[in-house]
């Protein structure tokens, strides 16, 4: 679970899916009302598909509408949670190097990815991640 810094959005993961919920609706709904939970990641997004397996870690950006995830498929993905699409897909080129945790800077311009043997700091650019 992650909550945006302004407290307006809750993001939850279940297996290989991400869900968003606007927390502002929490106070206005009654117990018998249906909760408006949205799938953040559709089943297929053109060339980009959701993680193939479980989501291991995620972080939400404080100042921009981004969520970053790493999965058991060894990929890191940057999601735009308002437009509901993947902005960036990163696969580690070295075999056997598996991301296991991450943290996104509040401005979303830098990303730290933790691996079993090391931690790396990346600059987030439109073409990908730059070490």
Protein backbone atom coordinates (compact mmCIF):
# COMPACT_ATOMS: atom_id res chain seq x y z
CA UNK A 1 0.00 0.00 0.00
CA UNK A 2 1.11 3.56 -0.75
CA UNK A 3 -0.63 6.85 -0.06
CA UNK A 4 0.16 9.99 -2.04
CA UNK A 5 1.81 12.80 -0.08
CA UNK A 6 -1.30 14.97 -0.31
CA UNK A 7 -3.38 12.11 1.08
CA UNK A 8 -5.78 12.03 -1.86
CA UNK A 9 -4.94 8.69 -3.50
CA UNK A 10 -4.38 5.18 -2.15
CA UNK A 11 -2.52 2.66 -4.33
CA UNK A 12 -2.60 -1.06 -3.55
CA UNK A 13 -1.04 -4.05 -5.29
CA UNK A 14 -2.42 -7.55 -5.54
CA UNK A 15 -0.36 -10.11 -7.42
CA UNK A 16 0.51 -8.40 -10.74
CA UNK A 17 -2.14 -5.66 -10.61
CA UNK A 18 -2.25 -2.14 -9.18
CA UNK A 19 -5.43 -0.47 -7.96
CA UNK A 20 -6.09 3.19 -7.12
CA UNK A 21 -8.74 4.64 -4.85
CA UNK A 22 -9.50 8.33 -4.30
CA UNK A 23 -9.47 8.77 -0.52
CA UNK A 24 -11.68 11.85 -0.74
CA UNK A 25 -14.55 9.50 -1.61
CA UNK A 26 -14.07 7.61 1.65
CA UNK A 27 -15.86 10.23 3.73
CA UNK A 28 -18.78 10.63 1.34
CA UNK A 29 -19.62 6.95 0.80
CA UNK A 30 -22.00 4.95 2.96
CA UNK A 31 -21.39 1.38 4.03
CA UNK A 32 -23.79 0.06 1.39
CA UNK A 33 -22.20 2.11 -1.44
CA UNK A 34 -19.85 0.49 -3.90
CA UNK A 35 -16.26 1.67 -3.60
CA UNK A 36 -14.81 3.13 -6.82
CA UNK A 37 -11.57 1.19 -7.16
CA UNK A 38 -9.83 1.59 -10.52
CA UNK A 39 -7.42 -0.82 -12.14
CA UNK A 40 -4.28 1.22 -12.68
CA UNK A 41 -2.76 -1.26 -15.09
CA UNK A 42 -4.96 -2.58 -17.91
CA UNK A 43 -4.17 -6.11 -19.07
CA UNK A 44 -2.20 -4.90 -22.12
CA UNK A 45 -1.03 -1.42 -23.08
CA UNK A 46 0.13 -1.68 -26.67
CA UNK A 47 3.69 -2.97 -26.42
CA UNK A 48 3.84 -2.66 -22.62
CA UNK A 49 2.08 -5.28 -20.52
CA UNK A 50 1.81 -5.48 -16.74
CA UNK A 51 4.49 -7.23 -14.72
CA UNK A 52 4.79 -10.91 -15.48
CA UNK A 53 4.41 -12.06 -11.88
CA UNK A 54 4.18 -10.35 -8.52
CA UNK A 55 4.92 -6.69 -7.82
CA UNK A 56 7.75 -6.73 -5.27
CA UNK A 57 7.95 -3.03 -4.42
CA UNK A 58 6.36 0.28 -5.33
CA UNK A 59 6.61 3.95 -4.48
CA UNK A 60 4.41 6.91 -5.29
CA UNK A 61 5.70 10.34 -6.31
CA UNK A 62 4.86 13.24 -4.00
CA UNK A 63 4.64 16.06 -6.56
CA UNK A 64 3.73 14.36 -9.82
CA UNK A 65 1.19 11.64 -10.73
CA UNK A 66 3.72 8.80 -10.97
CA UNK A 67 4.02 5.38 -9.37
CA UNK A 68 7.10 3.22 -9.83
CA UNK A 69 7.06 -0.57 -9.45
CA UNK A 70 9.52 -3.43 -9.66
CA UNK A 71 8.36 -6.96 -10.25
CA UNK A 72 9.45 -10.56 -10.08
CA UNK A 73 9.99 -10.35 -13.86
CA UNK A 74 13.08 -8.18 -13.03
CA UNK A 75 11.61 -5.06 -14.62
CA UNK A 76 11.04 -1.55 -13.28
CA UNK A 77 8.08 0.43 -14.60
CA UNK A 78 7.07 4.06 -14.15
CA UNK A 79 3.27 4.49 -14.32
CA UNK A 80 1.25 7.68 -14.81
CA UNK A 81 -1.64 6.99 -12.45
CA UNK A 82 -3.99 9.66 -13.83
CA UNK A 83 -3.66 8.59 -17.48
CA UNK A 84 -3.28 4.93 -16.47
CA UNK A 85 -0.38 4.06 -18.74
CA UNK A 86 3.26 3.07 -18.50
CA UNK A 87 5.66 5.95 -19.12
CA UNK A 88 8.88 3.96 -18.83
CA UNK A 89 9.99 0.32 -18.83
CA UNK A 90 13.47 -0.64 -17.60
CA UNK A 91 15.04 -4.11 -17.82
CA UNK A 92 18.45 -4.67 -16.27
CA UNK A 93 20.88 -5.73 -19.00
CA UNK A 94 23.12 -7.87 -16.78
CA UNK A 95 21.76 -11.40 -16.36
CA UNK A 96 20.96 -12.43 -12.80
CA UNK A 97 20.66 -8.85 -11.49
CA UNK A 98 17.22 -8.57 -9.94
CA UNK A 99 15.75 -5.33 -8.53
CA UNK A 100 14.14 -5.95 -5.15
CA UNK A 101 13.29 -2.49 -3.78
CA UNK A 102 13.10 1.11 -4.97
CA UNK A 103 12.41 4.70 -3.96
CA UNK A 104 11.31 7.58 -6.17
CA UNK A 105 12.37 11.17 -5.50
CA UNK A 106 9.38 13.48 -4.78
CA UNK A 107 10.01 15.28 -8.09
CA UNK A 108 10.30 11.94 -9.99
CA UNK A 109 13.60 12.99 -11.58
CA UNK A 110 15.68 10.44 -9.64
CA UNK A 111 15.12 6.81 -8.72
CA UNK A 112 17.07 4.54 -6.37
CA UNK A 113 16.86 0.83 -7.14
CA UNK A 114 18.06 -1.74 -4.64
CA UNK A 115 19.57 -4.99 -5.86
CA UNK A 116 20.73 -7.89 -3.67
CA UNK A 117 24.39 -6.85 -4.00
CA UNK A 118 24.19 -3.07 -4.54
CA UNK A 119 22.09 0.07 -4.71
CA UNK A 120 22.04 2.32 -7.79
CA UNK A 121 20.87 5.90 -8.32
CA UNK A 122 19.31 6.67 -11.71
CA UNK A 123 18.20 9.85 -13.41
CA UNK A 124 14.73 9.44 -14.89
CA UNK A 125 14.60 10.71 -18.47
CA UNK A 126 12.02 10.13 -21.21
CA UNK A 127 14.20 7.63 -23.07
CA UNK A 128 14.83 5.50 -19.97
CA UNK A 129 16.93 5.39 -16.82
CA UNK A 130 20.45 6.78 -16.87
CA UNK A 131 22.91 5.64 -14.16
